[in-house]
Amino acid sequence: MGRQDSPLELGRESVLHFPARLKIVAAPGQLEQLRDAAGTEWFEGIDVAPLELNQALTESMLQDAEILVVHVDLGVPDSMQRIEWIRTRRPDLPLVVALADADIGLVRTLVRQGVADVVTLPLNPEELLQASLAIGEVRRDTPRPKAALAPLVAVVRSLGGSGATTLLTHLARQIAENGKPNARVCVIDLDVQFGRVAEVLGLNPPRNVSDLLEAGSRIDAALLRSVAVQHDSGVSVIAAPREIVPLEAIDGEEIRRIVEVARREYDFVLLDTPSNWSNWSLALLLGADSILMVVEQSLASLRQARRRLDLFEHVGIKPGATAIVVNRLEKRLFGSISLSDVSETLGREVLCGLRTDPQNLPVAQDQGLLVGQVRPKSAYAADIAGLAEQLEARLAQGRAA
């Protein structure tokens, strides 16, 4: 007979086949005891977040986790509230509760609350590994119903410099505010040559779309969340590549996979698209729930918008999928192209006109803020709020059809 290896030894030898990424949130003393018991090599394969029992969890502690172990104590009510908090934000995340004493009645109660397993303190590496392997087996054997995809909105521009990125970032924040509590909104900057979403929001993410493209077929929810960074507004951003990437170098299937994973992970996904068109970017528009085309009240902008709309129809995008947003709205009495003129010229619904705010918008963007954070009563912010309402009504009507 061969040698009998403990689960811990097997875990060390088959680390590449570990069922999921394990993350532990526990008091520092508990983590130190685990480190001493587990050994440095094994322990370094775990994500840990030291947190005292009376401290609240943060959204970042849930990121990247595929199995989450959380330290709780019946005598510390704040720690027991962690369970409901996690189930609300990540109902799909396997949760293991670690506590000092767990009788049968308590275990049953925790399981009814959606807890996948219970381990005892002090944390034991073999018990953690066994729990993780058991959860992995259950997840592998349990057929998963297809999750509904989040709404997908693509923002396109008639001309460069039309203010599409500014509109996109403000719209994302407004949708997050309008949505259910803790609504998860994600912006993916797919303008792989000139994308500026992260820059406009004052973010400097260490990873970007290129990291997801390099992952190829290995892209999953954990990797996507590790690339996304969160702005103060609560909106998650997947940034454009730092270096200019040729459009033809992008694999359409990989982009499609990134967007699909994002739509399963978030409640709402917005895309900033390239100024120039390719097969993969047009394919994304075909799958979008709504397309917002940003134009201005000029003949040059309307001429280019008309050309793009003709291209969309040529590749099979239904006319009703695209709505027009007029940026830098002017309401001069004479010599101005009206919103009705824009609608008639382009043959599309004008969803909204956005007034400019030259005093506050530049100040906000210099600080990586949104204009509503600088001046809540900004005319631009008010128009964005109206646009969000119109868009959500349009999406609800489209999904009901």
Protein backbone atom coordinates (compact mmCIF):
# COMPACT_ATOMS: atom_id res chain seq x y z
CA MET A 1 0.00 0.00 0.00
CA GLY A 2 1.13 3.52 -0.66
CA ARG A 3 1.78 6.07 2.02
CA GLN A 4 -1.21 7.72 3.68
CA ASP A 5 -1.03 11.47 3.28
CA SER A 6 -3.00 13.86 5.45
CA PRO A 7 -5.31 16.36 3.74
CA LEU A 8 -2.80 19.07 4.66
CA GLU A 9 0.04 17.25 2.86
CA LEU A 10 -2.19 16.65 -0.15
CA GLY A 11 -3.13 20.31 -0.14
CA ARG A 12 0.54 21.31 -0.19
CA GLU A 13 1.32 19.00 -3.10
CA SER A 14 -1.76 19.86 -5.16
CA VAL A 15 -1.98 23.59 -4.55
CA LEU A 16 -2.72 24.21 -8.22
CA HIS A 17 -5.82 22.02 -7.91
CA PHE A 18 -7.13 23.66 -4.74
CA PRO A 19 -10.90 24.02 -5.23
CA ALA A 20 -11.02 27.79 -4.77
CA ARG A 21 -9.21 30.80 -3.38
CA LEU A 22 -9.53 30.83 0.41
CA LYS A 23 -9.78 34.08 2.30
CA ILE A 24 -9.86 34.35 6.11
CA VAL A 25 -11.16 37.35 8.08
CA ALA A 26 -10.26 36.87 11.74
CA ALA A 27 -8.78 38.54 14.79
CA PRO A 28 -4.99 39.00 14.47
CA GLY A 29 -4.31 36.55 17.32
CA GLN A 30 -6.25 33.79 15.56
CA LEU A 31 -4.32 34.37 12.35
CA GLU A 32 -0.99 34.20 14.19
CA GLN A 33 -1.94 30.87 15.75
CA LEU A 34 -2.92 29.55 12.33
CA ARG A 35 0.33 30.73 10.82
CA ASP A 36 2.31 28.91 13.53
CA ALA A 37 0.27 25.73 13.07
CA ALA A 38 0.14 25.72 9.28
CA GLY A 39 3.69 26.58 8.40
CA THR A 40 4.83 29.48 6.27
CA GLU A 41 4.59 27.82 2.84
CA TRP A 42 0.98 26.70 3.19
CA PHE A 43 -0.11 29.88 4.96
CA GLU A 44 1.21 32.11 2.17
CA GLY A 45 -1.31 30.52 -0.18
CA ILE A 46 -4.17 32.03 1.83
CA ASP A 47 -5.52 35.58 1.68
CA VAL A 48 -5.95 36.94 5.20
CA ALA A 49 -7.58 40.08 6.55
CA PRO A 50 -6.88 40.80 10.25
CA LEU A 51 -10.02 42.25 11.85
CA GLU A 52 -11.04 42.58 15.47
CA LEU A 53 -14.45 41.17 16.36
CA ASN A 54 -15.99 44.59 16.98
CA GLN A 55 -14.80 46.00 13.65
CA ALA A 56 -16.96 46.07 10.52
CA LEU A 57 -16.09 44.26 7.30
CA THR A 58 -15.48 46.25 4.12
CA GLU A 59 -16.38 45.55 0.51
CA SER A 60 -12.71 45.08 -0.34
CA MET A 61 -12.53 42.10 2.05
CA LEU A 62 -14.98 40.24 -0.18
CA GLN A 63 -13.01 40.84 -3.34
CA ASP A 64 -11.10 37.92 -4.85
CA ALA A 65 -12.53 35.44 -2.31
CA GLU A 66 -14.03 32.23 -3.65
CA ILE A 67 -14.44 30.74 -0.17
CA LEU A 68 -14.61 33.11 2.79
CA VAL A 69 -13.85 32.11 6.40
CA VAL A 70 -15.15 34.63 8.94
CA HIS A 71 -14.42 34.74 12.66
CA VAL A 72 -17.51 35.43 14.82
CA ASP A 73 -18.34 35.30 18.51
CA LEU A 74 -21.80 34.86 20.06
CA GLY A 75 -20.84 37.34 22.75
CA VAL A 76 -20.01 40.09 20.25
CA PRO A 77 -23.23 41.06 18.38
CA ASP A 78 -21.30 43.15 15.84
CA SER A 79 -19.39 40.06 14.73
CA MET A 80 -22.59 38.00 14.32
CA GLN A 81 -23.98 40.66 12.01
CA ARG A 82 -21.15 39.89 9.62
CA ILE A 83 -23.02 36.83 8.37
CA GLU A 84 -26.09 38.74 7.16
CA TRP A 85 -23.90 41.53 5.77
CA ILE A 86 -21.93 39.05 3.64
CA ARG A 87 -25.02 37.11 2.50
CA THR A 88 -26.62 40.37 1.35
CA ARG A 89 -23.63 41.44 -0.73
CA ARG A 90 -22.35 38.10 -1.98
CA PRO A 91 -25.14 35.51 -1.73
CA ASP A 92 -23.19 33.23 -4.07
CA LEU A 93 -19.99 33.26 -1.97
CA PRO A 94 -19.43 30.07 0.09
CA LEU A 95 -19.17 31.21 3.71
CA VAL A 96 -17.44 29.29 6.49
CA VAL A 97 -18.00 30.55 10.04
CA ALA A 98 -15.24 30.13 12.63
CA LEU A 99 -16.25 30.27 16.29
CA ALA A 100 -15.14 28.92 19.65
CA ASP A 101 -18.14 26.74 20.54
CA ALA A 102 -20.62 25.35 18.03
CA ASP A 103 -23.40 23.04 19.22
CA ILE A 104 -25.72 21.20 16.83
CA GLY A 105 -28.53 23.71 17.26
CA LEU A 106 -26.30 26.66 16.40
CA VAL A 107 -24.84 24.89 13.39
CA ARG A 108 -28.33 24.21 12.06
CA THR A 109 -29.27 27.86 12.54
CA LEU A 110 -26.17 29.03 10.69
CA VAL A 111 -26.80 26.62 7.82
CA ARG A 112 -30.35 27.97 7.48
CA GLN A 113 -28.78 31.44 7.19
CA GLY A 114 -26.79 30.25 4.19
CA VAL A 115 -23.51 29.31 5.89
CA ALA A 116 -21.71 26.54 3.99
CA ASP A 117 -19.74 25.11 6.94
CA VAL A 118 -18.62 25.78 10.51
CA VAL A 119 -15.09 25.34 11.91
CA THR A 120 -13.92 25.67 15.48
CA LEU A 121 -11.30 27.90 17.03
CA PRO A 122 -8.38 27.93 17.16
CA LEU A 123 -8.21 27.72 13.37
CA ASN A 124 -6.81 24.42 12.22
CA PRO A 125 -5.20 24.11 8.76
CA GLU A 126 -6.44 20.56 8.17
CA GLU A 127 -10.01 21.45 9.15
CA LEU A 128 -9.94 24.48 6.85
CA LEU A 129 -8.63 22.42 3.98
CA GLN A 130 -11.24 19.70 4.52
CA ALA A 131 -14.03 22.31 4.59
CA SER A 132 -12.71 23.91 1.40
CA LEU A 133 -12.45 20.58 -0.40
CA ALA A 134 -15.98 19.63 0.65
CA ILE A 135 -17.36 22.95 -0.61
CA GLY A 136 -15.47 22.46 -3.87
CA GLU A 137 -17.04 19.02 -4.33
CA VAL A 138 -20.54 20.34 -3.67
CA ARG A 139 -20.09 23.25 -6.08
CA ARG A 140 -18.73 20.98 -8.78
CA ASP A 141 -21.58 18.45 -8.43
CA THR A 142 -24.40 20.97 -8.08
CA PRO A 143 -25.87 22.16 -11.37
CA ARG A 144 -25.98 25.94 -11.39
CA PRO A 145 -28.85 27.76 -13.04
CA LYS A 146 -27.79 30.43 -15.47
CA ALA A 147 -27.75 33.77 -13.71
CA ALA A 148 -29.59 36.60 -15.37
CA LEU A 149 -27.22 39.00 -17.09
CA ALA A 150 -27.09 42.57 -15.82
CA PRO A 151 -28.20 45.33 -18.19
CA LEU A 152 -25.44 46.36 -20.61
CA VAL A 153 -25.24 49.94 -21.88
CA ALA A 154 -22.64 51.04 -24.42
CA VAL A 155 -21.72 54.70 -24.81
CA VAL A 156 -20.51 55.75 -28.27
CA ARG A 157 -19.45 59.11 -29.63
CA SER A 158 -20.11 60.80 -32.94
CA LEU A 159 -16.78 62.64 -32.77
CA GLY A 160 -13.78 62.56 -30.47
CA GLY A 161 -13.94 65.14 -27.68
CA SER A 162 -17.72 64.99 -27.46
CA GLY A 163 -17.68 64.49 -23.69
CA ALA A 164 -18.73 60.82 -23.82
CA THR A 165 -16.34 59.71 -21.05
CA THR A 166 -17.52 62.48 -18.72
CA LEU A 167 -21.11 61.51 -19.40
CA LEU A 168 -20.34 57.83 -18.82
CA THR A 169 -18.67 58.33 -15.43
CA HIS A 170 -21.42 60.62 -14.15
CA LEU A 171 -24.16 58.32 -15.44
CA ALA A 172 -22.58 55.31 -13.71
CA ARG A 173 -22.62 57.08 -10.35
CA GLN A 174 -26.22 58.19 -10.81
CA ILE A 175 -27.34 54.66 -11.68
CA ALA A 176 -25.58 53.39 -8.56
CA GLU A 177 -27.40 55.97 -6.44
CA ASN A 178 -30.77 55.20 -8.04
CA GLY A 179 -30.44 51.43 -7.67
CA LYS A 180 -31.12 49.12 -4.78
CA PRO A 181 -28.91 49.52 -1.66
CA ASN A 182 -25.34 48.50 -2.41
CA ALA A 183 -26.08 48.31 -6.14
CA ARG A 184 -22.94 47.20 -7.95
CA VAL A 185 -22.17 49.24 -11.07
CA CYS A 186 -19.16 48.54 -13.28
CA VAL A 187 -17.61 50.66 -16.03
CA ILE A 188 -15.34 48.86 -18.50
CA ASP A 189 -13.12 51.16 -20.54
CA LEU A 190 -12.74 49.41 -23.89
CA ASP A 191 -11.33 52.43 -25.67
CA VAL A 192 -8.05 50.55 -25.88
CA GLN A 193 -6.26 53.39 -27.66
CA PHE A 194 -7.47 56.56 -25.95
CA GLY A 195 -9.42 55.43 -22.87
CA ARG A 196 -9.48 57.96 -20.01
CA VAL A 197 -12.11 56.69 -17.55
CA ALA A 198 -9.58 55.98 -14.78
CA GLU A 199 -7.80 59.28 -15.38
CA VAL A 200 -11.04 61.29 -15.28
CA LEU A 201 -11.93 59.66 -11.96
CA GLY A 202 -8.47 60.24 -10.47
CA LEU A 203 -7.69 56.53 -10.30
CA ASN A 204 -4.35 54.85 -10.91
CA PRO A 205 -5.20 51.14 -11.06
CA PRO A 206 -2.31 48.67 -11.01
CA ARG A 207 -4.14 46.36 -13.43
CA ASN A 208 -6.37 46.91 -16.45
CA VAL A 209 -8.18 45.31 -19.38
CA SER A 210 -4.88 43.98 -20.74
CA ASP A 211 -4.53 41.72 -17.69
CA LEU A 212 -7.94 40.23 -18.42
CA LEU A 213 -7.15 39.77 -22.10
CA GLU A 214 -3.92 37.97 -21.23
CA ALA A 215 -5.88 35.55 -19.04
CA GLY A 216 -7.78 34.34 -22.11
CA SER A 217 -10.12 31.46 -21.30
CA ARG A 218 -9.01 31.61 -17.63
CA ILE A 219 -10.99 34.78 -17.01
CA ASP A 220 -13.36 34.33 -14.07
CA ALA A 221 -15.17 36.39 -11.46
CA ALA A 222 -12.25 36.40 -9.02
CA LEU A 223 -9.80 37.70 -11.61
CA LEU A 224 -12.26 40.31 -12.83
CA ARG A 225 -12.77 41.65 -9.30
CA SER A 226 -9.02 41.75 -8.72
CA VAL A 227 -8.60 44.02 -11.76
CA ALA A 228 -11.54 46.32 -10.97
CA VAL A 229 -10.89 49.32 -8.71
CA GLN A 230 -13.56 51.20 -6.83
CA HIS A 231 -14.05 54.95 -7.03
CA ASP A 232 -15.26 56.96 -4.02
CA SER A 233 -18.67 57.07 -5.70
CA GLY A 234 -18.93 53.29 -5.31
CA VAL A 235 -18.58 52.61 -9.03
CA SER A 236 -16.11 49.87 -10.01
CA VAL A 237 -13.81 50.61 -12.94
CA ILE A 238 -11.88 48.29 -15.23
CA ALA A 239 -9.38 50.62 -16.84
CA ALA A 240 -8.18 50.80 -20.43
CA PRO A 241 -4.64 49.59 -21.22
CA ARG A 242 -1.83 51.97 -20.30
CA GLU A 243 -0.28 51.59 -23.75
CA ILE A 244 -2.05 52.01 -27.07
CA VAL A 245 -3.30 48.67 -28.35
CA PRO A 246 -4.10 48.14 -32.06
CA LEU A 247 -7.80 47.38 -32.49
CA GLU A 248 -7.02 44.38 -34.68
CA ALA A 249 -4.89 42.86 -31.90
CA ILE A 250 -7.97 42.40 -29.69
CA ASP A 251 -9.54 38.94 -29.59
CA GLY A 252 -13.31 39.39 -29.87
CA GLU A 253 -14.08 36.18 -27.98
CA GLU A 254 -11.92 37.28 -25.04
CA ILE A 255 -13.64 40.67 -24.91
CA ARG A 256 -17.04 38.99 -25.05
CA ARG A 257 -16.05 36.73 -22.16
CA ILE A 258 -14.88 39.70 -20.05
CA VAL A 259 -18.17 41.52 -20.57
CA GLU A 260 -20.25 38.42 -19.83
CA VAL A 261 -18.41 37.73 -16.56
CA ALA A 262 -18.91 41.38 -15.57
CA ARG A 263 -22.62 41.11 -16.31
CA ARG A 264 -22.86 38.13 -13.97
CA GLU A 265 -20.88 39.86 -11.21
CA TYR A 266 -22.47 43.32 -11.24
CA ASP A 267 -25.97 44.75 -11.28
CA PHE A 268 -25.25 47.15 -14.15
CA VAL A 269 -22.43 47.33 -16.70
CA LEU A 270 -21.48 50.32 -18.87
CA LEU A 271 -18.96 50.24 -21.71
CA ASP A 272 -16.84 53.07 -23.04
CA THR A 273 -16.23 52.07 -26.65
CA PRO A 274 -13.45 52.98 -29.10
CA SER A 275 -13.84 55.94 -31.45
CA ASN A 276 -12.94 53.72 -34.40
CA TRP A 277 -14.91 50.59 -35.17
CA SER A 278 -13.87 46.97 -35.50
CA ASN A 279 -15.66 43.64 -35.71
CA TRP A 280 -15.34 42.99 -31.98
CA SER A 281 -16.62 46.41 -30.91
CA LEU A 282 -19.61 46.17 -33.26
CA ALA A 283 -20.33 42.67 -31.95
CA LEU A 284 -20.51 44.09 -28.41
CA LEU A 285 -23.09 46.64 -29.54
CA LEU A 286 -25.21 43.83 -30.98
CA GLY A 287 -25.42 42.36 -27.46
CA ALA A 288 -26.07 45.64 -25.65
CA ASP A 289 -29.44 46.38 -24.08
CA SER A 290 -29.10 50.03 -25.05
CA ILE A 291 -26.65 52.21 -26.96
CA LEU A 292 -26.23 55.89 -26.10
CA MET A 293 -24.73 57.98 -28.88
CA VAL A 294 -23.30 61.31 -27.70
CA VAL A 295 -23.62 64.14 -30.21
CA GLU A 296 -23.38 67.92 -30.25
CA GLN A 297 -25.48 70.54 -32.00
CA SER A 298 -23.17 70.91 -34.97
CA LEU A 299 -23.34 69.77 -38.57
CA ALA A 300 -20.01 67.93 -38.26
CA SER A 301 -21.21 65.95 -35.25
CA LEU A 302 -24.55 65.08 -36.83
CA ARG A 303 -22.91 64.07 -40.11
CA GLN A 304 -20.60 61.62 -38.34
CA ALA A 305 -23.44 60.38 -36.16
CA ARG A 306 -25.48 59.61 -39.27
CA ARG A 307 -22.59 57.62 -40.76
CA ARG A 308 -22.24 55.57 -37.57
CA LEU A 309 -25.96 54.87 -37.41
CA ASP A 310 -25.86 53.65 -41.01
CA LEU A 311 -23.00 51.32 -40.07
CA PHE A 312 -24.96 50.01 -37.10
CA GLU A 313 -27.93 49.17 -39.29
CA HIS A 314 -25.65 47.51 -41.83
CA VAL A 315 -24.32 45.05 -39.22
CA GLY A 316 -27.79 44.29 -37.87
CA ILE A 317 -28.17 46.61 -34.88
CA LYS A 318 -31.86 47.49 -34.65
CA PRO A 319 -32.62 51.21 -34.98
CA GLY A 320 -34.53 51.22 -31.68
CA ALA A 321 -31.44 50.05 -29.78
CA THR A 322 -29.71 53.44 -30.14
CA ALA A 323 -30.81 56.63 -28.42
CA ILE A 324 -29.23 60.06 -28.75
CA VAL A 325 -27.82 62.22 -25.97
CA VAL A 326 -27.04 65.81 -26.93
CA ASN A 327 -24.09 67.10 -24.93
CA ARG A 328 -23.17 70.76 -24.31
CA LEU A 329 -26.76 71.73 -25.00
CA GLU A 330 -27.33 75.23 -26.34
CA LYS A 331 -30.73 76.90 -26.27
CA ARG A 332 -30.11 79.97 -28.34
CA LEU A 333 -33.13 81.57 -29.94
CA PHE A 334 -31.59 81.79 -33.40
CA GLY A 335 -28.96 79.79 -35.28
CA SER A 336 -29.09 76.75 -32.98
CA ILE A 337 -29.93 73.20 -34.02
CA SER A 338 -32.80 72.15 -31.74
CA LEU A 339 -33.32 68.76 -30.12
CA SER A 340 -36.19 68.08 -32.51
CA ASP A 341 -33.87 68.90 -35.43
CA VAL A 342 -31.35 66.39 -34.06
CA SER A 343 -34.02 63.71 -33.70
CA GLU A 344 -35.40 64.32 -37.18
CA THR A 345 -31.95 64.37 -38.81
CA LEU A 346 -30.78 61.15 -37.17
CA GLY A 347 -34.11 59.34 -37.08
CA ARG A 348 -33.61 58.38 -33.45
CA GLU A 349 -35.11 59.34 -30.10
CA VAL A 350 -33.26 62.10 -28.26
CA LEU A 351 -33.19 60.80 -24.72
CA CYS A 352 -31.75 63.89 -23.08
CA GLY A 353 -29.90 67.16 -23.55
CA LEU A 354 -27.04 67.91 -21.16
CA ARG A 355 -26.29 71.49 -20.25
CA THR A 356 -22.65 72.32 -19.82
CA ASP A 357 -21.14 73.45 -16.51
CA PRO A 358 -17.86 75.16 -17.44
CA GLN A 359 -17.33 76.48 -13.94
CA ASN A 360 -17.59 73.22 -11.97
CA LEU A 361 -16.84 70.35 -14.37
CA PRO A 362 -13.15 71.23 -14.88
CA VAL A 363 -12.68 71.72 -11.12
CA ALA A 364 -14.23 68.32 -10.40
CA GLN A 365 -12.15 66.51 -13.01
CA ASP A 366 -8.93 68.11 -11.81
CA GLN A 367 -9.63 66.49 -8.42
CA GLY A 368 -10.79 63.13 -9.78
CA LEU A 369 -14.33 63.91 -8.61
CA LEU A 370 -17.77 64.02 -10.18
CA VAL A 371 -19.41 67.38 -10.56
CA GLY A 372 -22.15 66.53 -8.05
CA GLN A 373 -19.45 66.10 -5.40
CA VAL A 374 -18.23 69.66 -6.06
CA ARG A 375 -21.59 71.33 -6.61
CA PRO A 376 -24.66 69.19 -5.87
CA LYS A 377 -26.99 71.64 -7.65
CA SER A 378 -25.00 71.65 -10.87
CA ALA A 379 -27.16 71.85 -13.99
CA TYR A 380 -25.08 69.08 -15.54
CA ALA A 381 -25.66 66.82 -12.52
CA ALA A 382 -29.41 67.49 -12.71
CA ASP A 383 -29.49 66.58 -16.39
CA ILE A 384 -27.53 63.39 -15.72
CA ALA A 385 -30.12 62.44 -13.10
CA GLY A 386 -32.83 62.93 -15.71
CA LEU A 387 -30.87 60.86 -18.23
CA ALA A 388 -30.51 58.00 -15.74
CA GLU A 389 -34.26 57.95 -15.16
CA GLN A 390 -34.98 57.96 -18.89
CA LEU A 391 -32.45 55.22 -19.52
CA GLU A 392 -33.75 52.99 -16.75
CA ALA A 393 -37.32 53.39 -18.04
CA ARG A 394 -36.11 52.56 -21.54
CA LEU A 395 -34.31 49.44 -20.30
CA ALA A 396 -37.34 48.31 -18.28
CA GLN A 397 -39.56 48.72 -21.33
CA GLY A 398 -37.10 46.80 -23.51
CA ARG A 399 -36.85 43.87 -21.09
CA ALA A 400 -40.60 43.72 -20.67
CA ALA A 401 -41.12 43.56 -24.45
